[in-house]
């Protein structure tokens, strides 16, 4: 998870066969201090956390920074 400056504030991983919504516990840790922008994969059928902003395609493109940062880091190696 990145903050508004692009700095990593939390990190976790899972295998590719795991649904994105299992990371709700990580989002909950930041419930009082920031909103979290995500794609629709993080939406939970039992309800989303108040600080989770599920973005439809084309909304809040700032979240694409998350996908850019790892690529940029690999290009610098």
C-alpha atoms as a PDB file:
ATOM      1  CA  UNK A   1       0.000   0.000   0.000  1.00  0.00           C
ATOM      2  CA  UNK A   2       1.301   3.437  -0.936  1.00  0.00           C
ATOM      3  CA  UNK A   3       0.580   6.776   0.671  1.00  0.00           C
ATOM      4  CA  UNK A   4      -0.110  10.016  -1.210  1.00  0.00           C
ATOM      5  CA  UNK A   5       3.616  10.510  -1.851  1.00  0.00           C
ATOM      6  CA  UNK A   6       4.091   7.044  -3.347  1.00  0.00           C
ATOM      7  CA  UNK A   7       5.913   5.681  -0.308  1.00  0.00           C
ATOM      8  CA  UNK A   8       5.207   2.114   0.808  1.00  0.00           C
ATOM      9  CA  UNK A   9       3.324   2.106   4.121  1.00  0.00           C
ATOM     10  CA  UNK A  10       2.198  -1.550   4.148  1.00  0.00           C
ATOM     11  CA  UNK A  11       2.990  -4.663   2.198  1.00  0.00           C
ATOM     12  CA  UNK A  12       1.657  -8.195   1.861  1.00  0.00           C
ATOM     13  CA  UNK A  13       1.261 -10.820  -0.825  1.00  0.00           C
ATOM     14  CA  UNK A  14      -0.675 -13.928  -1.771  1.00  0.00           C
ATOM     15  CA  UNK A  15      -0.672 -16.376  -4.651  1.00  0.00           C
ATOM     16  CA  UNK A  16      -2.456 -15.514  -7.892  1.00  0.00           C
ATOM     17  CA  UNK A  17      -5.396 -17.828  -7.135  1.00  0.00           C
ATOM     18  CA  UNK A  18      -6.430 -15.785  -4.069  1.00  0.00           C
ATOM     19  CA  UNK A  19      -9.194 -13.173  -4.373  1.00  0.00           C
ATOM     20  CA  UNK A  20      -8.139  -9.551  -3.839  1.00  0.00           C
ATOM     21  CA  UNK A  21     -10.813  -8.997  -1.192  1.00  0.00           C
ATOM     22  CA  UNK A  22      -8.865 -11.077   1.356  1.00  0.00           C
ATOM     23  CA  UNK A  23      -6.705  -7.977   1.865  1.00  0.00           C
ATOM     24  CA  UNK A  24      -9.540  -6.161   3.651  1.00  0.00           C
ATOM     25  CA  UNK A  25      -7.641  -6.640   6.953  1.00  0.00           C
ATOM     26  CA  UNK A  26      -4.764  -4.575   5.541  1.00  0.00           C
ATOM     27  CA  UNK A  27      -7.095  -1.777   4.439  1.00  0.00           C
ATOM     28  CA  UNK A  28      -8.728  -1.781   7.883  1.00  0.00           C
ATOM     29  CA  UNK A  29      -5.394  -0.809   9.491  1.00  0.00           C
ATOM     30  CA  UNK A  30      -5.658   2.596   7.770  1.00  0.00           C
ATOM     31  CA  UNK A  31      -9.356   3.184   8.426  1.00  0.00           C
ATOM     32  CA  UNK A  32      -8.786   6.305  10.535  1.00  0.00           C
ATOM     33  CA  UNK A  33      -5.996   7.950   8.542  1.00  0.00           C
ATOM     34  CA  UNK A  34      -6.498   7.532   4.771  1.00  0.00           C
ATOM     35  CA  UNK A  35      -8.737   6.333   1.991  1.00  0.00           C
ATOM     36  CA  UNK A  36      -7.646   3.386  -0.117  1.00  0.00           C
ATOM     37  CA  UNK A  37      -8.294   3.422  -3.868  1.00  0.00           C
ATOM     38  CA  UNK A  38      -8.794   0.026  -5.466  1.00  0.00           C
ATOM     39  CA  UNK A  39     -10.202  -1.694  -8.506  1.00  0.00           C
ATOM     40  CA  UNK A  40     -13.404  -3.733  -8.284  1.00  0.00           C
ATOM     41  CA  UNK A  41     -11.509  -6.878  -7.257  1.00  0.00           C
ATOM     42  CA  UNK A  42     -11.285  -5.589  -3.675  1.00  0.00           C
ATOM     43  CA  UNK A  43     -15.070  -5.240  -3.334  1.00  0.00           C
ATOM     44  CA  UNK A  44     -16.452  -7.599  -0.654  1.00  0.00           C
ATOM     45  CA  UNK A  45     -19.963  -9.024  -0.951  1.00  0.00           C
ATOM     46  CA  UNK A  46     -20.481  -8.583   2.802  1.00  0.00           C
ATOM     47  CA  UNK A  47     -19.702  -4.863   2.484  1.00  0.00           C
ATOM     48  CA  UNK A  48     -16.704  -2.629   1.991  1.00  0.00           C
ATOM     49  CA  UNK A  49     -14.785  -0.760   4.640  1.00  0.00           C
ATOM     50  CA  UNK A  50     -15.602   2.963   4.977  1.00  0.00           C
ATOM     51  CA  UNK A  51     -12.127   4.015   3.798  1.00  0.00           C
ATOM     52  CA  UNK A  52     -12.163   1.768   0.704  1.00  0.00           C
ATOM     53  CA  UNK A  53     -13.012   3.592  -2.527  1.00  0.00           C
ATOM     54  CA  UNK A  54     -13.774   0.971  -5.169  1.00  0.00           C
ATOM     55  CA  UNK A  55     -13.053   2.616  -8.506  1.00  0.00           C
ATOM     56  CA  UNK A  56     -14.724   1.662 -11.742  1.00  0.00           C
ATOM     57  CA  UNK A  57     -12.637   1.671 -14.899  1.00  0.00           C
ATOM     58  CA  UNK A  58     -11.586   5.264 -15.656  1.00  0.00           C
ATOM     59  CA  UNK A  59     -12.217   6.637 -12.136  1.00  0.00           C
ATOM     60  CA  UNK A  60      -9.489   7.955  -9.811  1.00  0.00           C
ATOM     61  CA  UNK A  61      -6.611   7.142 -12.127  1.00  0.00           C
ATOM     62  CA  UNK A  62      -4.189   8.123  -9.320  1.00  0.00           C
ATOM     63  CA  UNK A  63      -4.448   4.517  -8.160  1.00  0.00           C
ATOM     64  CA  UNK A  64      -2.531   3.477 -11.288  1.00  0.00           C
ATOM     65  CA  UNK A  65       0.619   4.765  -9.550  1.00  0.00           C
ATOM     66  CA  UNK A  66       0.587   1.470  -7.652  1.00  0.00           C
ATOM     67  CA  UNK A  67       1.003  -0.476 -10.878  1.00  0.00           C
ATOM     68  CA  UNK A  68       3.657   1.907 -12.198  1.00  0.00           C
ATOM     69  CA  UNK A  69       6.014   1.927  -9.196  1.00  0.00           C
ATOM     70  CA  UNK A  70       7.060  -1.768  -9.308  1.00  0.00           C
ATOM     71  CA  UNK A  71       7.619  -1.523 -13.071  1.00  0.00           C
ATOM     72  CA  UNK A  72       9.740   1.606 -12.656  1.00  0.00           C
ATOM     73  CA  UNK A  73      11.807  -0.099  -9.970  1.00  0.00           C
ATOM     74  CA  UNK A  74      12.503  -3.092 -12.215  1.00  0.00           C
ATOM     75  CA  UNK A  75      13.491  -0.867 -15.120  1.00  0.00           C
ATOM     76  CA  UNK A  76      16.159   0.798 -12.960  1.00  0.00           C
ATOM     77  CA  UNK A  77      17.875  -2.503 -12.090  1.00  0.00           C
END
